[in-house]
Amino acid sequence: MVDYQGKNVVIIGLGVTGLSCVHFFIERGVVPRVMDTRTVPPGVDKLPVNVVCHSGSLNNSWLQEADLIVASPGIALATPQLQQAAQNGIEIVGDIELFCREADAPIVAITGSNGKSTVTSLVGEMAKAAGVSVGVGGNIGIPALSLLNAGHALYVLELSSFQLETTSSLKAAAATVLNISEDHMDRYPLGLVQYRAAKLKIYHQAENCIVNGQDALTLPENLTQDECISFGLNNGDYFFDTQKRVLVAKGEQLLDVNEMHLTGQHNYLNALAALALADAVNIPRKASVQVLKEYAGLAHRFELVLFKHGVRWINDSKATNVGSTEAALNGLHVEGTLYLLLGGDGKSADFSSLKPYIAADNYRLYCFGRDGETLAALAPEKSVLTETMEQSLRQIAPNLKAGDMVLLSPACASLDQFKSFEQRGAVFAQLAEELG
């Protein structure tokens, strides 16, 4: 336990996470000050009356006077005011660091460019099925600090690269980097190397490091694959046998994937990662396998929203980066035509690695939004460019035949035209119902 008494604490960023930080300090007898660059920050009406809030900009004098700055994951450490504070020796942490200092039960920590929400929720469900009191949160929606002091015997945290940047006290019982592909390149001027370095912090002081045997970038810098627990295709401690189509754990055939609701090679790898993490914290295998049979997946992650007239409409709106769209297309078999919806804000990503995945003769691309033109240029002969997703869908609908698939897997963030990837997915599902 850390004593924060007498500390001048400044919290940057409100919302649910910022509020959880405010309550954390107030419970410890410290009244923090809060700032948010938004003019009307979400949650400002829920602040205790004795907490002062500066909105619309960063208050640099507050920052330079602070003993401790708690920064939202949304603010880059490269921000000049934070750089100045760091040079002045002021400690800068995030809510996950505060959590790790106080956590009173083992932590399973999960990061990766894609699949981390699915794996986090899977491990949480495995723990619940085994009767373990588990707190699931972090980047998945519930602030980690709100999980403290609830009597949990296990914590399962989804962690983003932004959260890991400001975390140094994580000592996970089991940690994984599921995969690494270009994402948030607008935040990492040094590119993939800098992004990967942030992700790999999850392994620091971890008891069990679980790595993707298909992705060398997920290996910790100081360990060989033999010193880690691996998952992959056709080999590893946990693997998907692509011939027999079964999941194998440490030599034991566990599950025919036809018994699972989750589909797709990327989801079989997610299932293996979850199994490895659950095994590492002694969740009984029987409970884990039962969850894999029953788990139907998360909304907006390769979600079948309509099957009508032989046409599948798949909402993969959570594919906000190139790697996620590659994962959706990898090994995908479509009898008829695949109508692939791409577009939005690419966050300065290089889309060229998509080319081999979209090369199939039966693929048609419908591209929209801020980076629609760039995406359409990947395969001009099979691409249609529209301004919006709705315009794309209205052009696709009259051409659909049994055996076709309409797949929203945009490889881009949604914020150029939607409030969130969830809203984009919901609009897709509504249009599917209307046009299907």
Protein backbone atom coordinates (compact mmCIF):
# COMPACT_ATOMS: atom_id res chain seq x y z
CA MET A 1 0.00 0.00 0.00
CA VAL A 2 1.29 3.45 -0.93
CA ASP A 3 0.68 6.44 1.33
CA TYR A 4 -0.56 9.40 -0.76
CA GLN A 5 -1.19 11.68 2.24
CA GLY A 6 -0.06 15.24 1.68
CA LYS A 7 0.55 14.67 -2.03
CA ASN A 8 -0.48 17.26 -4.60
CA VAL A 9 -2.29 14.96 -7.07
CA VAL A 10 -3.48 16.05 -10.52
CA ILE A 11 -5.69 13.81 -12.66
CA ILE A 12 -5.80 14.37 -16.43
CA GLY A 13 -8.98 13.14 -18.12
CA LEU A 14 -12.41 12.56 -16.67
CA GLY A 15 -14.99 10.00 -17.86
CA VAL A 16 -15.52 6.75 -15.92
CA THR A 17 -11.80 6.06 -15.52
CA GLY A 18 -11.02 9.59 -14.35
CA LEU A 19 -13.88 9.42 -11.84
CA SER A 20 -12.57 6.08 -10.53
CA CYS A 21 -9.21 7.79 -9.91
CA VAL A 22 -10.91 10.69 -8.10
CA HIS A 23 -12.78 8.29 -5.78
CA PHE A 24 -9.59 6.25 -5.23
CA PHE A 25 -7.76 9.28 -3.83
CA ILE A 26 -10.69 10.64 -1.84
CA GLU A 27 -11.02 7.25 -0.09
CA ARG A 28 -7.36 7.71 0.91
CA GLY A 29 -7.88 11.20 2.32
CA VAL A 30 -6.45 13.09 -0.66
CA VAL A 31 -8.47 15.64 -2.67
CA PRO A 32 -7.05 15.67 -6.21
CA ARG A 33 -7.42 18.35 -8.86
CA VAL A 34 -8.82 17.35 -12.25
CA MET A 35 -8.28 18.70 -15.76
CA ASP A 36 -9.68 17.71 -19.14
CA THR A 37 -9.05 19.18 -22.59
CA ARG A 38 -12.75 18.81 -23.44
CA THR A 39 -14.92 21.84 -22.70
CA VAL A 40 -17.63 19.76 -21.04
CA PRO A 41 -15.93 16.54 -19.93
CA PRO A 42 -18.14 13.45 -19.44
CA GLY A 43 -18.76 12.86 -15.75
CA VAL A 44 -18.03 16.44 -14.65
CA ASP A 45 -21.50 16.56 -13.05
CA LYS A 46 -20.57 13.55 -10.87
CA LEU A 47 -17.47 15.14 -9.33
CA PRO A 48 -17.58 15.68 -5.56
CA VAL A 49 -18.14 19.37 -4.73
CA ASN A 50 -14.69 19.77 -3.16
CA VAL A 51 -12.85 18.63 -6.32
CA VAL A 52 -11.75 21.48 -8.62
CA CYS A 53 -11.91 20.82 -12.37
CA HIS A 54 -10.14 22.79 -15.12
CA SER A 55 -11.65 22.09 -18.56
CA GLY A 56 -10.96 23.04 -22.18
CA SER A 57 -7.17 22.77 -22.00
CA LEU A 58 -4.27 21.47 -19.92
CA ASN A 59 -3.44 23.66 -16.92
CA ASN A 60 0.34 23.65 -17.08
CA SER A 61 0.90 25.47 -13.78
CA TRP A 62 -1.08 22.74 -11.97
CA LEU A 63 0.96 20.06 -13.73
CA GLN A 64 4.33 21.58 -12.85
CA GLU A 65 3.28 22.04 -9.18
CA ALA A 66 2.11 18.41 -8.83
CA ASP A 67 3.77 15.64 -6.83
CA LEU A 68 1.90 13.00 -8.81
CA ILE A 69 0.15 13.16 -12.19
CA VAL A 70 -2.39 10.47 -13.09
CA ALA A 71 -2.72 10.62 -16.87
CA SER A 72 -5.60 9.24 -18.92
CA PRO A 73 -4.53 6.66 -21.54
CA GLY A 74 -5.89 9.12 -24.11
CA ILE A 75 -3.11 11.66 -23.51
CA ALA A 76 0.28 10.90 -25.03
CA LEU A 77 3.34 11.01 -22.79
CA ALA A 78 4.96 12.97 -25.64
CA THR A 79 2.63 15.93 -24.86
CA PRO A 80 5.02 18.86 -24.18
CA GLN A 81 3.50 19.68 -20.77
CA LEU A 82 3.98 16.07 -19.63
CA GLN A 83 7.50 16.00 -21.03
CA GLN A 84 8.26 19.12 -19.00
CA ALA A 85 6.77 17.56 -15.85
CA ALA A 86 8.80 14.37 -16.36
CA GLN A 87 11.99 16.41 -16.79
CA ASN A 88 11.14 18.17 -13.51
CA GLY A 89 11.06 14.78 -11.78
CA ILE A 90 7.29 14.63 -11.33
CA GLU A 91 5.93 11.07 -11.25
CA ILE A 92 3.43 10.27 -14.03
CA VAL A 93 1.27 7.14 -13.73
CA GLY A 94 -2.04 5.79 -15.00
CA ASP A 95 -4.97 4.14 -13.25
CA ILE A 96 -3.53 0.66 -13.91
CA GLU A 97 -0.37 1.54 -11.97
CA LEU A 98 -2.49 2.73 -9.03
CA PHE A 99 -4.42 -0.54 -9.23
CA CYS A 100 -1.31 -2.76 -9.35
CA ARG A 101 0.09 -1.13 -6.22
CA GLU A 102 -3.04 -2.12 -4.28
CA ALA A 103 -4.15 -5.40 -5.92
CA ASP A 104 -4.72 -8.12 -3.32
CA ALA A 105 -5.17 -11.12 -5.67
CA PRO A 106 -3.37 -12.62 -8.70
CA ILE A 107 -3.67 -10.71 -11.99
CA VAL A 108 -4.10 -12.19 -15.46
CA ALA A 109 -2.97 -9.47 -17.90
CA ILE A 110 -3.88 -9.48 -21.59
CA THR A 111 -2.81 -7.21 -24.43
CA GLY A 112 -2.40 -7.44 -28.20
CA SER A 113 -3.41 -5.54 -31.30
CA ASN A 114 -6.46 -7.77 -31.77
CA GLY A 115 -8.53 -10.26 -29.81
CA LYS A 116 -7.79 -8.96 -26.32
CA SER A 117 -11.42 -8.25 -25.37
CA THR A 118 -12.48 -11.74 -26.48
CA VAL A 119 -9.66 -13.42 -24.53
CA THR A 120 -10.24 -11.25 -21.45
CA SER A 121 -13.94 -12.06 -21.33
CA LEU A 122 -13.24 -15.76 -22.02
CA VAL A 123 -10.83 -16.05 -19.08
CA GLY A 124 -13.32 -14.18 -16.89
CA GLU A 125 -16.08 -16.62 -17.87
CA MET A 126 -13.77 -19.60 -17.24
CA ALA A 127 -13.07 -18.33 -13.72
CA LYS A 128 -16.79 -17.76 -13.03
CA ALA A 129 -17.64 -21.25 -14.33
CA ALA A 130 -15.14 -22.65 -11.82
CA GLY A 131 -16.77 -20.72 -8.98
CA VAL A 132 -13.91 -18.22 -8.63
CA SER A 133 -14.80 -14.66 -7.58
CA VAL A 134 -13.25 -12.71 -10.46
CA GLY A 135 -12.97 -9.01 -11.31
CA VAL A 136 -12.78 -8.33 -15.07
CA GLY A 137 -11.90 -4.85 -16.29
CA GLY A 138 -9.28 -2.42 -17.52
CA ASN A 139 -9.54 -1.44 -21.18
CA ILE A 140 -12.65 -3.62 -21.58
CA GLY A 141 -14.99 -1.06 -20.01
CA ILE A 142 -14.91 -1.39 -16.21
CA PRO A 143 -12.16 0.75 -14.66
CA ALA A 144 -9.66 -1.43 -12.83
CA LEU A 145 -9.78 0.69 -9.66
CA SER A 146 -13.48 -0.04 -9.23
CA LEU A 147 -12.61 -3.76 -8.87
CA LEU A 148 -10.55 -3.24 -5.71
CA ASN A 149 -11.82 -4.25 -2.26
CA ALA A 150 -14.65 -6.38 -3.64
CA GLY A 151 -13.38 -9.69 -2.30
CA HIS A 152 -12.13 -10.99 -5.65
CA ALA A 153 -9.80 -14.00 -5.71
CA LEU A 154 -8.58 -13.18 -9.25
CA TYR A 155 -8.35 -10.16 -11.52
CA VAL A 156 -8.43 -10.39 -15.32
CA LEU A 157 -7.35 -7.17 -17.04
CA GLU A 158 -7.38 -6.12 -20.67
CA LEU A 159 -4.57 -3.60 -21.11
CA SER A 160 -3.85 -1.26 -24.00
CA SER A 161 -0.40 -0.10 -25.04
CA PHE A 162 -1.34 3.37 -23.73
CA GLN A 163 -2.16 1.94 -20.28
CA LEU A 164 1.05 -0.11 -20.19
CA GLU A 165 3.18 2.97 -20.93
CA THR A 166 2.42 4.38 -17.47
CA THR A 167 2.53 1.05 -15.57
CA SER A 168 5.62 -0.25 -13.77
CA SER A 169 4.29 -2.30 -10.80
CA LEU A 170 2.41 -5.00 -12.71
CA LYS A 171 3.52 -8.46 -11.54
CA ALA A 172 1.07 -10.65 -13.41
CA ALA A 173 0.50 -14.29 -12.46
CA ALA A 174 0.03 -14.82 -16.21
CA ALA A 175 0.54 -12.32 -19.03
CA THR A 176 0.15 -12.47 -22.79
CA VAL A 177 0.71 -10.38 -25.89
CA LEU A 178 -1.71 -12.04 -28.31
CA ASN A 179 -0.32 -10.51 -31.50
CA ILE A 180 1.30 -7.32 -32.75
CA SER A 181 0.40 -5.44 -35.91
CA GLU A 182 0.41 -1.77 -36.86
CA ASP A 183 -2.05 0.25 -34.78
CA HIS A 184 -2.06 3.76 -33.32
CA MET A 185 0.85 4.76 -35.54
CA ASP A 186 -0.35 8.35 -35.14
CA ARG A 187 0.63 8.01 -31.45
CA TYR A 188 3.98 6.25 -32.00
CA PRO A 189 6.33 8.41 -34.14
CA LEU A 190 9.03 5.69 -34.02
CA GLY A 191 6.54 3.22 -35.49
CA LEU A 192 6.06 -0.46 -34.73
CA VAL A 193 9.22 -0.72 -32.58
CA GLN A 194 7.91 1.86 -30.11
CA TYR A 195 4.39 0.38 -30.09
CA ARG A 196 5.77 -3.13 -29.50
CA ALA A 197 7.98 -1.92 -26.64
CA ALA A 198 4.88 -0.57 -24.86
CA LYS A 199 3.05 -3.89 -25.33
CA LEU A 200 5.98 -5.99 -24.08
CA LYS A 201 5.95 -4.16 -20.73
CA ILE A 202 3.13 -6.56 -19.76
CA TYR A 203 5.71 -9.35 -19.30
CA HIS A 204 7.79 -7.39 -16.79
CA GLN A 205 7.98 -9.47 -13.58
CA ALA A 206 5.27 -11.88 -14.86
CA GLU A 207 5.28 -15.42 -13.46
CA ASN A 208 4.05 -16.98 -16.72
CA CYS A 209 4.61 -15.43 -20.17
CA ILE A 210 2.23 -16.75 -22.82
CA VAL A 211 3.31 -16.02 -26.40
CA ASN A 212 1.91 -16.48 -29.90
CA GLY A 213 4.10 -19.01 -31.71
CA GLN A 214 2.87 -17.57 -35.04
CA ASP A 215 4.08 -14.05 -34.17
CA ALA A 216 7.73 -13.57 -33.16
CA LEU A 217 6.97 -9.97 -32.17
CA THR A 218 5.06 -11.27 -29.12
CA LEU A 219 8.21 -12.82 -27.59
CA PRO A 220 9.67 -11.01 -24.55
CA GLU A 221 13.04 -9.43 -25.29
CA ASN A 222 14.88 -11.35 -22.54
CA LEU A 223 13.36 -14.85 -22.98
CA THR A 224 13.40 -17.57 -25.63
CA GLN A 225 10.19 -19.27 -26.76
CA ASP A 226 11.21 -22.37 -24.76
CA GLU A 227 11.11 -20.28 -21.58
CA CYS A 228 7.54 -19.18 -22.36
CA ILE A 229 4.22 -20.97 -22.81
CA SER A 230 3.26 -20.88 -26.49
CA PHE A 231 0.07 -21.19 -28.53
CA GLY A 232 -0.21 -21.47 -32.29
CA LEU A 233 -1.17 -23.49 -35.35
CA ASN A 234 -0.11 -27.15 -35.47
CA ASN A 235 2.61 -26.76 -32.84
CA GLY A 236 3.24 -25.20 -29.44
CA ASP A 237 2.21 -26.00 -25.88
CA TYR A 238 -1.35 -25.21 -26.97
CA PHE A 239 -2.24 -25.53 -30.65
CA PHE A 240 -5.01 -25.79 -33.22
CA ASP A 241 -4.57 -28.92 -35.33
CA THR A 242 -5.70 -27.62 -38.73
CA GLN A 243 -6.10 -31.14 -40.16
CA LYS A 244 -8.16 -32.70 -37.37
CA ARG A 245 -9.70 -29.30 -36.47
CA VAL A 246 -9.20 -29.83 -32.75
CA LEU A 247 -7.66 -27.80 -29.93
CA VAL A 248 -4.72 -29.55 -28.27
CA ALA A 249 -3.29 -28.61 -24.85
CA LYS A 250 0.05 -30.04 -23.79
CA GLY A 251 -0.42 -33.11 -25.96
CA GLU A 252 -4.04 -33.72 -25.00
CA GLN A 253 -6.85 -33.34 -27.57
CA LEU A 254 -9.35 -31.14 -25.78
CA LEU A 255 -12.06 -29.98 -28.12
CA ASP A 256 -13.34 -30.32 -31.67
CA VAL A 257 -13.81 -26.74 -32.89
CA ASN A 258 -17.15 -27.72 -34.43
CA GLU A 259 -18.42 -27.84 -30.84
CA MET A 260 -17.62 -24.14 -30.40
CA HIS A 261 -19.83 -21.14 -31.21
CA LEU A 262 -16.74 -19.06 -32.02
CA THR A 263 -15.53 -19.55 -35.58
CA GLY A 264 -12.45 -18.60 -37.57
CA GLN A 265 -8.79 -19.39 -37.13
CA HIS A 266 -8.18 -16.16 -35.22
CA ASN A 267 -10.81 -17.17 -32.66
CA TYR A 268 -9.30 -20.64 -32.25
CA LEU A 269 -6.01 -18.92 -31.37
CA ASN A 270 -7.90 -16.67 -28.94
CA ALA A 271 -9.42 -19.77 -27.33
CA LEU A 272 -5.98 -21.35 -26.94
CA ALA A 273 -4.56 -18.21 -25.35
CA ALA A 274 -7.47 -18.12 -22.90
CA LEU A 275 -6.94 -21.81 -22.04
CA ALA A 276 -3.23 -21.25 -21.43
CA LEU A 277 -3.93 -18.26 -19.16
CA ALA A 278 -6.63 -20.15 -17.24
CA ASP A 279 -4.35 -23.16 -16.77
CA ALA A 280 -1.55 -20.88 -15.52
CA VAL A 281 -3.75 -19.63 -12.64
CA ASN A 282 -5.11 -23.12 -11.87
CA ILE A 283 -8.65 -22.71 -13.17
CA PRO A 284 -9.92 -26.30 -13.58
CA ARG A 285 -9.67 -27.44 -17.20
CA LYS A 286 -13.22 -28.86 -17.16
CA ALA A 287 -14.70 -25.39 -16.50
CA SER A 288 -12.55 -23.81 -19.22
CA VAL A 289 -13.56 -26.35 -21.89
CA GLN A 290 -17.25 -25.98 -21.00
CA VAL A 291 -16.99 -22.19 -21.48
CA LEU A 292 -15.31 -22.67 -24.88
CA LYS A 293 -18.30 -24.77 -25.96
CA GLU A 294 -20.87 -22.22 -24.76
CA TYR A 295 -19.22 -18.83 -25.36
CA ALA A 296 -20.92 -16.99 -28.22
CA GLY A 297 -18.48 -14.09 -28.59
CA LEU A 298 -18.67 -10.33 -28.12
CA ALA A 299 -20.75 -7.92 -30.13
CA HIS A 300 -19.00 -6.30 -33.13
CA ARG A 301 -16.32 -9.04 -33.28
CA PHE A 302 -17.01 -11.16 -36.38
CA GLU A 303 -20.62 -11.27 -35.25
CA LEU A 304 -23.26 -12.86 -37.51
CA VAL A 305 -26.06 -10.28 -37.34
CA LEU A 306 -28.26 -11.68 -40.12
CA PHE A 307 -28.51 -14.90 -42.14
CA LYS A 308 -31.27 -14.52 -44.70
CA HIS A 309 -31.83 -15.82 -48.24
CA GLY A 310 -28.52 -17.68 -47.92
CA VAL A 311 -26.55 -14.45 -47.32
CA ARG A 312 -24.43 -13.92 -44.20
CA TRP A 313 -24.07 -10.38 -42.84
CA ILE A 314 -21.05 -10.19 -40.50
CA ASN A 315 -20.42 -7.25 -38.17
CA ASP A 316 -16.69 -7.02 -37.41
CA SER A 317 -16.77 -3.29 -36.63
CA LYS A 318 -14.20 -3.81 -33.84
CA ALA A 319 -11.64 -4.35 -36.64
CA THR A 320 -10.22 -0.86 -36.17
CA ASN A 321 -6.77 -1.72 -37.54
CA VAL A 322 -5.22 -3.60 -40.45
CA GLY A 323 -4.17 -6.64 -38.41
CA SER A 324 -7.71 -7.24 -37.21
CA THR A 325 -9.07 -7.24 -40.77
CA GLU A 326 -6.26 -9.59 -41.84
CA ALA A 327 -7.27 -11.92 -38.98
CA ALA A 328 -10.89 -11.89 -40.17
CA LEU A 329 -9.92 -12.69 -43.77
CA ASN A 330 -7.23 -15.27 -42.97
CA GLY A 331 -8.58 -18.70 -43.91
CA LEU A 332 -12.07 -17.30 -44.63
CA HIS A 333 -14.06 -19.41 -47.09
CA VAL A 334 -16.99 -17.84 -48.94
CA GLU A 335 -18.92 -19.89 -51.52
CA GLY A 336 -20.29 -16.91 -53.41
CA THR A 337 -19.06 -13.30 -53.46
CA LEU A 338 -17.52 -11.58 -50.44
CA TYR A 339 -18.56 -7.93 -50.24
CA LEU A 340 -15.96 -6.40 -47.94
CA LEU A 341 -16.61 -2.98 -46.37
CA LEU A 342 -13.41 -1.04 -45.63
CA GLY A 343 -12.94 2.52 -44.46
CA GLY A 344 -12.85 5.18 -41.77
CA ASP A 345 -9.81 6.75 -40.13
CA GLY A 346 -6.74 4.54 -40.68
CA LYS A 347 -4.70 6.32 -37.97
CA SER A 348 -1.74 6.72 -40.36
CA ALA A 349 -1.47 2.95 -40.94
CA ASP A 350 0.06 1.33 -44.01
CA PHE A 351 -2.73 -0.67 -45.70
CA SER A 352 -0.49 -2.45 -48.23
CA SER A 353 -0.25 -5.65 -46.17
CA LEU A 354 -3.96 -6.22 -46.93
CA LYS A 355 -3.22 -6.90 -50.62
CA PRO A 356 -2.69 -10.69 -50.41
CA TYR A 357 -5.80 -11.04 -48.23
CA ILE A 358 -8.08 -9.31 -50.76
CA ALA A 359 -6.65 -10.96 -53.87
CA ALA A 360 -9.32 -13.68 -54.22
CA ASP A 361 -11.35 -13.44 -57.44
CA ASN A 362 -14.68 -13.54 -55.57
CA TYR A 363 -13.89 -10.51 -53.36
CA ARG A 364 -15.44 -7.08 -54.00
CA LEU A 365 -14.33 -4.06 -51.96
CA TYR A 366 -16.62 -1.20 -50.98
CA CYS A 367 -14.58 1.62 -49.47
CA PHE A 368 -15.83 4.69 -47.62
CA GLY A 369 -14.85 7.41 -45.15
CA ARG A 370 -11.66 9.39 -44.62
CA ASP A 371 -9.29 6.73 -45.97
CA GLY A 372 -11.70 5.14 -48.43
CA GLU A 373 -9.79 6.37 -51.46
CA THR A 374 -6.48 4.94 -50.20
CA LEU A 375 -8.13 1.57 -49.50
CA ALA A 376 -9.83 1.46 -52.92
CA ALA A 377 -6.43 2.04 -54.54
CA LEU A 378 -5.22 -1.32 -53.15
CA ALA A 379 -7.30 -3.11 -55.82
CA PRO A 380 -8.90 -0.52 -58.13
CA GLU A 381 -10.31 -3.14 -60.51
CA LYS A 382 -12.56 -4.65 -57.80
CA SER A 383 -13.25 -1.59 -55.64
CA VAL A 384 -16.19 0.79 -55.36
CA LEU A 385 -15.69 4.10 -53.54
CA THR A 386 -18.58 5.74 -51.69
CA GLU A 387 -18.76 8.53 -49.15
CA THR A 388 -20.54 6.52 -46.42
CA MET A 389 -21.02 2.93 -45.30
CA GLU A 390 -24.76 3.22 -45.90
CA GLN A 391 -24.21 4.20 -49.55
CA SER A 392 -21.96 1.14 -49.95
CA LEU A 393 -24.56 -1.20 -48.46
CA ARG A 394 -27.37 0.21 -50.64
CA GLN A 395 -25.23 -0.47 -53.72
CA ILE A 396 -24.37 -4.00 -52.56
CA ALA A 397 -27.88 -5.15 -51.60
CA PRO A 398 -29.42 -5.56 -55.12
CA ASN A 399 -26.53 -7.85 -56.20
CA LEU A 400 -26.72 -10.36 -53.34
CA LYS A 401 -27.27 -14.07 -53.98
CA ALA A 402 -27.32 -17.19 -51.77
CA GLY A 403 -23.77 -18.07 -50.69
CA ASP A 404 -22.62 -14.44 -50.54
CA MET A 405 -21.25 -12.69 -47.47
CA VAL A 406 -21.37 -9.01 -46.52
CA LEU A 407 -18.49 -8.34 -44.12
CA LEU A 408 -17.90 -5.08 -42.29
CA SER A 409 -14.25 -5.40 -41.23
CA PRO A 410 -13.10 -1.84 -41.90
CA ALA A 411 -9.39 -1.84 -40.85
CA CYS A 412 -9.99 1.69 -39.56
CA ALA A 413 -11.27 3.61 -36.57
CA SER A 414 -14.82 4.91 -36.83
CA LEU A 415 -14.54 8.43 -35.45
CA ASP A 416 -14.54 10.23 -38.79
CA GLN A 417 -18.24 9.34 -39.30
CA PHE A 418 -19.47 7.62 -36.11
CA LYS A 419 -19.32 8.13 -32.34
CA SER A 420 -17.68 4.73 -31.84
CA PHE A 421 -17.07 1.34 -33.46
CA GLU A 422 -20.15 0.15 -31.53
CA GLN A 423 -22.35 2.73 -33.23
CA ARG A 424 -20.87 1.82 -36.62
CA GLY A 425 -21.66 -1.85 -35.96
CA ALA A 426 -25.18 -1.06 -34.79
CA VAL A 427 -25.87 0.96 -37.95
CA PHE A 428 -24.53 -1.93 -40.06
CA ALA A 429 -26.86 -4.37 -38.24
CA GLN A 430 -29.87 -2.07 -38.74
CA LEU A 431 -29.12 -1.73 -42.44
CA ALA A 432 -28.67 -5.51 -42.74
CA GLU A 433 -32.19 -5.99 -41.33
CA GLU A 434 -33.57 -3.39 -43.75
CA LEU A 435 -31.75 -4.54 -46.88
CA GLY A 436 -31.27 -8.28 -46.28
